[in-house]
Amino acid sequence: MRLCAFYLLLIALSLTGCSSIEPWVKPYERAHLADPIMNFDRDPVSGAYMTHVYQAREAARGAEGGHGGGCGCN
């Protein structure tokens, strides 16, 4: 019984070591995440246009976060 309680306490203490209160990304490192090289699209204007065309053609808006009307006239 004591051995089982000891192992449970050891497991509980080891699992609490995995949690961290401080953020993983420091405030001075956030500039690197906002770098244009971190974008998925090479050309963001072209990507936004193609997303708009896709949404107008499929009549489905909102999943990709595009803007504009559904008829393709904007």
C-alpha atoms as a PDB file:
ATOM      1  CA  MET A   1       0.000   0.000   0.000  1.00  0.00           C
ATOM      2  CA  ARG A   2       2.785   2.421   0.900  1.00  0.00           C
ATOM      3  CA  LEU A   3       4.704   1.603  -2.246  1.00  0.00           C
ATOM      4  CA  CYS A   4       1.644   2.274  -4.401  1.00  0.00           C
ATOM      5  CA  ALA A   5       1.041   5.626  -2.673  1.00  0.00           C
ATOM      6  CA  PHE A   6       4.701   6.532  -3.163  1.00  0.00           C
ATOM      7  CA  TYR A   7       4.517   5.777  -6.897  1.00  0.00           C
ATOM      8  CA  LEU A   8       1.304   7.769  -7.263  1.00  0.00           C
ATOM      9  CA  LEU A   9       2.921  10.723  -5.516  1.00  0.00           C
ATOM     10  CA  LEU A  10       6.007  10.393  -7.719  1.00  0.00           C
ATOM     11  CA  ILE A  11       3.876  10.342 -10.874  1.00  0.00           C
ATOM     12  CA  ALA A  12       1.830  13.336  -9.714  1.00  0.00           C
ATOM     13  CA  LEU A  13       4.964  15.352  -8.975  1.00  0.00           C
ATOM     14  CA  SER A  14       6.555  14.462 -12.294  1.00  0.00           C
ATOM     15  CA  LEU A  15       3.431  15.490 -14.224  1.00  0.00           C
ATOM     16  CA  THR A  16       3.304  18.897 -12.549  1.00  0.00           C
ATOM     17  CA  GLY A  17       6.816  19.549 -13.837  1.00  0.00           C
ATOM     18  CA  CYS A  18       5.443  19.541 -17.399  1.00  0.00           C
ATOM     19  CA  SER A  19       3.226  22.561 -16.848  1.00  0.00           C
ATOM     20  CA  SER A  20       4.662  26.018 -17.127  1.00  0.00           C
ATOM     21  CA  ILE A  21       3.180  29.349 -16.089  1.00  0.00           C
ATOM     22  CA  GLU A  22       5.390  31.546 -18.221  1.00  0.00           C
ATOM     23  CA  PRO A  23       4.580  31.872 -21.945  1.00  0.00           C
ATOM     24  CA  TRP A  24       6.570  29.919 -24.505  1.00  0.00           C
ATOM     25  CA  VAL A  25       6.969  32.939 -26.760  1.00  0.00           C
ATOM     26  CA  LYS A  26       8.620  35.880 -25.100  1.00  0.00           C
ATOM     27  CA  PRO A  27       7.468  39.407 -26.002  1.00  0.00           C
ATOM     28  CA  TYR A  28      10.772  40.200 -27.723  1.00  0.00           C
ATOM     29  CA  GLU A  29      10.480  37.017 -29.841  1.00  0.00           C
ATOM     30  CA  ARG A  30       7.071  37.928 -31.264  1.00  0.00           C
ATOM     31  CA  ALA A  31       8.656  40.176 -33.885  1.00  0.00           C
ATOM     32  CA  HIS A  32      10.119  37.072 -35.529  1.00  0.00           C
ATOM     33  CA  LEU A  33       6.639  35.505 -35.776  1.00  0.00           C
ATOM     34  CA  ALA A  34       5.297  38.625 -37.528  1.00  0.00           C
ATOM     35  CA  ASP A  35       8.057  38.462 -40.153  1.00  0.00           C
ATOM     36  CA  PRO A  36       6.654  38.311 -43.720  1.00  0.00           C
ATOM     37  CA  ILE A  37       8.697  35.195 -44.418  1.00  0.00           C
ATOM     38  CA  MET A  38       6.445  33.319 -41.956  1.00  0.00           C
ATOM     39  CA  ASN A  39       3.400  33.750 -44.247  1.00  0.00           C
ATOM     40  CA  PHE A  40       1.916  30.740 -46.009  1.00  0.00           C
ATOM     41  CA  ASP A  41       1.319  32.590 -49.287  1.00  0.00           C
ATOM     42  CA  ARG A  42       4.071  33.980 -51.450  1.00  0.00           C
ATOM     43  CA  ASP A  43       1.789  36.709 -52.727  1.00  0.00           C
ATOM     44  CA  PRO A  44      -0.886  37.637 -50.165  1.00  0.00           C
ATOM     45  CA  VAL A  45      -2.862  39.807 -52.625  1.00  0.00           C
ATOM     46  CA  SER A  46      -3.108  36.968 -55.137  1.00  0.00           C
ATOM     47  CA  GLY A  47      -3.991  34.515 -52.364  1.00  0.00           C
ATOM     48  CA  ALA A  48      -6.782  36.768 -51.103  1.00  0.00           C
ATOM     49  CA  TYR A  49      -8.160  37.128 -54.630  1.00  0.00           C
ATOM     50  CA  MET A  50      -8.105  33.383 -55.270  1.00  0.00           C
ATOM     51  CA  THR A  51      -9.840  32.763 -51.936  1.00  0.00           C
ATOM     52  CA  HIS A  52     -12.516  35.286 -52.891  1.00  0.00           C
ATOM     53  CA  VAL A  53     -13.005  33.632 -56.286  1.00  0.00           C
ATOM     54  CA  TYR A  54     -13.262  30.215 -54.644  1.00  0.00           C
ATOM     55  CA  GLN A  55     -15.832  31.458 -52.136  1.00  0.00           C
ATOM     56  CA  ALA A  56     -17.888  33.121 -54.867  1.00  0.00           C
ATOM     57  CA  ARG A  57     -17.795  30.008 -57.042  1.00  0.00           C
ATOM     58  CA  GLU A  58     -18.665  27.584 -54.256  1.00  0.00           C
ATOM     59  CA  ALA A  59     -21.162  29.961 -52.561  1.00  0.00           C
ATOM     60  CA  ALA A  60     -19.501  29.271 -49.223  1.00  0.00           C
ATOM     61  CA  ARG A  61     -18.075  32.089 -47.152  1.00  0.00           C
ATOM     62  CA  GLY A  62     -16.423  32.327 -43.795  1.00  0.00           C
ATOM     63  CA  ALA A  63     -14.248  29.241 -43.526  1.00  0.00           C
ATOM     64  CA  GLU A  64     -11.163  30.908 -44.997  1.00  0.00           C
ATOM     65  CA  GLY A  65     -11.806  34.390 -43.613  1.00  0.00           C
ATOM     66  CA  GLY A  66     -12.201  36.101 -46.994  1.00  0.00           C
ATOM     67  CA  HIS A  67     -14.163  39.283 -47.615  1.00  0.00           C
ATOM     68  CA  GLY A  68     -16.532  40.493 -50.267  1.00  0.00           C
ATOM     69  CA  GLY A  69     -19.799  39.531 -51.919  1.00  0.00           C
ATOM     70  CA  GLY A  70     -20.890  36.083 -53.023  1.00  0.00           C
ATOM     71  CA  CYS A  71     -21.579  36.960 -56.680  1.00  0.00           C
ATOM     72  CA  GLY A  72     -17.956  37.640 -57.681  1.00  0.00           C
ATOM     73  CA  CYS A  73     -18.644  41.245 -58.693  1.00  0.00           C
ATOM     74  CA  ASN A  74     -16.522  42.881 -56.000  1.00  0.00           C
END
